[in-house]
Protein backbone atom coordinates (compact mmCIF):
# COMPACT_ATOMS: atom_id res chain seq x y z
CA MET A 1 64.76 25.08 124.51
CA GLU A 2 66.02 22.79 127.04
CA LEU A 3 65.43 23.51 130.72
CA TRP A 4 67.93 22.34 133.42
CA ASP A 5 67.25 22.46 137.32
CA ILE A 6 69.90 24.44 139.27
CA TYR A 7 71.45 22.64 142.09
CA GLN A 8 73.57 23.98 145.21
CA MET A 9 76.83 22.67 146.03
CA ASP A 10 75.50 20.06 148.14
CA ARG A 11 73.44 18.78 145.34
CA THR A 12 70.05 20.23 146.66
CA LYS A 13 67.84 21.79 144.01
CA THR A 14 67.28 25.61 144.23
CA GLY A 15 63.87 25.31 142.75
CA GLU A 16 65.26 27.64 139.57
CA THR A 17 66.13 26.35 136.38
CA MET A 18 68.12 27.55 133.68
CA VAL A 19 68.19 27.33 129.71
CA ARG A 20 70.86 25.22 128.30
CA GLY A 21 73.67 27.73 126.88
CA GLU A 22 72.95 30.19 129.37
CA THR A 23 76.04 31.59 131.53
CA PHE A 24 76.26 29.82 135.14
CA GLN A 25 75.74 32.11 137.86
CA LYS A 26 78.48 31.83 140.80
CA GLY A 27 77.22 28.88 142.91
CA ALA A 28 74.89 27.23 140.40
CA TYR A 29 75.17 23.61 139.34
CA HIS A 30 73.44 21.24 136.96
CA LEU A 31 73.45 17.27 136.51
CA VAL A 32 75.05 15.18 133.65
CA VAL A 33 74.98 11.63 133.32
CA HIS A 34 77.13 9.22 131.38
CA ALA A 35 76.83 5.51 131.05
CA CYS A 36 79.59 2.88 130.14
CA ILE A 37 78.33 -0.37 128.93
CA PHE A 38 80.54 -3.23 129.27
CA ASN A 39 80.27 -6.73 127.74
CA VAL A 40 81.38 -9.76 129.52
CA ASN A 41 84.91 -9.66 127.84
CA GLY A 42 85.43 -6.17 129.28
CA ASN A 43 84.84 -4.06 126.23
CA LEU A 44 83.28 -0.82 126.50
CA LEU A 45 80.65 0.19 123.94
CA ILE A 46 81.73 3.50 122.36
CA GLN A 47 79.99 5.86 120.22
CA GLN A 48 81.15 8.32 117.40
CA ARG A 49 79.44 11.71 117.44
CA GLN A 50 77.95 12.84 114.23
CA PRO A 51 79.89 15.49 112.07
CA PHE A 52 77.40 18.08 112.69
CA LYS A 53 77.09 17.84 116.40
CA SER A 54 78.16 21.06 118.21
CA GLY A 55 80.22 19.54 120.74
CA TRP A 56 83.07 17.39 119.99
CA PRO A 57 81.91 16.65 116.28
CA ASN A 58 83.25 13.31 114.88
CA MET A 59 84.71 12.31 118.14
CA TRP A 60 84.49 8.92 119.99
CA ASP A 61 83.00 8.86 123.27
CA VAL A 62 81.83 6.58 126.12
CA THR A 63 78.19 4.87 125.39
CA ALA A 64 75.86 7.71 126.15
CA GLY A 65 75.72 10.93 128.09
CA GLY A 66 73.96 14.16 128.61
CA SER A 67 72.40 16.67 130.76
CA ALA A 68 69.37 15.93 132.99
CA ILE A 69 66.51 17.91 132.05
CA THR A 70 64.05 19.81 134.56
CA GLY A 71 62.31 17.43 136.79
CA GLU A 72 64.56 14.35 136.14
CA THR A 73 66.38 12.36 138.54
CA SER A 74 69.92 11.09 137.47
CA GLN A 75 68.47 7.81 136.71
CA GLU A 76 65.69 8.94 134.51
CA ALA A 77 68.15 11.11 132.88
CA MET A 78 70.38 8.28 132.22
CA GLU A 79 67.71 5.99 131.10
CA ARG A 80 66.52 8.61 128.68
CA GLU A 81 69.94 9.30 127.14
CA LEU A 82 70.26 5.46 126.84
CA PHE A 83 66.96 5.23 124.92
CA GLU A 84 67.57 8.40 122.74
CA GLU A 85 71.18 7.78 121.70
CA ILE A 86 71.33 4.10 121.25
CA GLY A 87 67.79 2.85 121.67
CA LEU A 88 68.23 0.62 124.79
CA ASN A 89 65.67 0.59 127.49
CA ILE A 90 67.26 -0.10 130.72
CA ASN A 91 65.77 0.50 134.13
CA LEU A 92 67.99 2.33 136.44
CA GLN A 93 65.45 3.25 139.09
CA ASN A 94 67.04 1.44 141.91
CA VAL A 95 70.56 1.92 140.83
CA ARG A 96 72.91 4.39 142.36
CA PRO A 97 75.63 5.71 139.93
CA HIS A 98 79.07 3.98 140.50
CA LEU A 99 81.01 7.37 140.39
CA THR A 100 80.02 11.23 140.53
CA ILE A 101 82.70 13.50 139.39
CA ASN A 102 82.20 17.16 140.62
CA TYR A 103 83.33 19.76 138.14
CA GLU A 104 83.25 23.50 137.98
CA THR A 105 79.56 23.86 136.85
CA GLY A 106 78.03 20.59 138.07
CA PHE A 107 77.93 17.06 138.96
CA ASP A 108 78.29 14.05 136.42
CA ASP A 109 77.06 10.67 137.54
CA ILE A 110 78.50 7.68 136.06
CA TYR A 111 76.82 4.54 135.53
CA LEU A 112 78.79 1.23 134.79
CA ILE A 113 76.45 -1.48 133.06
CA GLU A 114 77.35 -4.91 131.98
CA ARG A 115 75.09 -5.96 129.22
CA GLU A 116 75.51 -8.40 126.18
CA THR A 117 74.18 -6.08 123.29
CA ASP A 118 74.30 -6.79 119.44
CA ILE A 119 75.21 -3.51 118.19
CA HIS A 120 73.62 -4.21 114.88
CA CYS A 121 70.39 -4.01 116.54
CA LEU A 122 70.76 -0.67 118.29
CA LYS A 123 68.68 2.16 117.04
CA LEU A 124 71.15 5.18 116.70
CA GLN A 125 69.80 8.65 117.04
CA TYR A 126 70.77 10.39 113.76
CA GLU A 127 70.97 13.77 115.46
CA GLU A 128 73.94 12.48 117.68
CA VAL A 129 75.30 9.11 116.75
CA GLN A 130 76.72 8.03 113.60
CA ARG A 131 78.14 4.59 114.68
CA VAL A 132 79.00 2.44 117.74
CA LYS A 133 81.50 -0.22 118.36
CA TRP A 134 83.10 -2.41 121.10
CA ALA A 135 86.69 -1.09 122.36
CA CYS A 136 89.11 -2.38 124.76
CA ILE A 137 91.05 -0.08 127.08
CA ASP A 138 94.20 -0.25 124.71
CA GLU A 139 92.18 0.69 121.90
CA ILE A 140 90.44 3.82 123.71
CA PHE A 141 94.00 4.90 124.94
CA GLN A 142 95.37 4.73 121.44
CA MET A 143 92.12 6.62 119.92
CA ILE A 144 93.02 9.29 122.80
CA GLU A 145 96.46 9.68 121.63
CA GLN A 146 95.32 10.01 117.95
CA GLY A 147 92.82 12.63 118.81
CA ILE A 148 89.84 10.88 117.65
CA PHE A 149 88.29 10.31 121.19
CA ILE A 150 87.19 13.01 123.72
CA PRO A 151 90.19 14.00 125.61
CA TYR A 152 89.34 12.50 128.91
CA TYR A 153 92.28 11.68 131.16
CA LYS A 154 93.61 8.21 130.51
CA SER A 155 93.39 7.80 134.32
CA LEU A 156 89.40 8.46 134.15
CA ILE A 157 89.10 5.83 131.49
CA GLN A 158 91.35 3.52 133.71
CA LEU A 159 89.22 4.20 136.44
CA PHE A 160 86.15 3.05 134.71
CA PHE A 161 87.73 -0.14 133.71
CA ASP A 162 89.27 -0.90 137.24
CA VAL A 163 85.90 -0.27 138.94
CA ARG A 164 84.12 -2.42 136.53
CA ASN A 165 86.71 -5.11 136.94
CA GLN A 166 87.11 -4.87 141.03
CA TYR A 167 83.82 -3.88 142.05
CA GLY A 168 81.53 -4.98 139.24
CA CYS A 169 78.69 -3.32 137.30
CA PHE A 170 75.01 -3.22 137.23
CA HIS A 171 73.98 -6.24 135.20
CA THR A 172 71.10 -6.22 132.92
CA LYS A 173 69.70 -8.25 130.05
């Protein structure tokens, strides 16, 4: 059973929790995190979800992501998701998310990271990730059109690449 902290609209915790899968009450929000890892060539590390995964089975997605569990900060949740899903240990304790997307039931913090990574050395979480690869923006757009990438707005994917190119990323080894 996964527990989430409940937040108010101003992103302060209410002190209450909810179980993943429960219906959100009006005015209740939760925290989600995503990481986009780029290499020095500007390609994005993407993952293909397992066919038995309940949400978006077999679809390609950005590098890693998921919900923060009770007691976690955004940074701690992102560190955990990166380690669980692809085996990367990245310290984000002094890093703010590059973007935050507010949606109907929560906040989605987006971390843009530049790191040279040998994808053959990654430890993929069997329960969630079947494979990873590097992809350029045009390939991701094509995958969205083909219906094999989670149907994010192309403008959102473009924004990830633009922010990386114009403002930079958190760099790590």
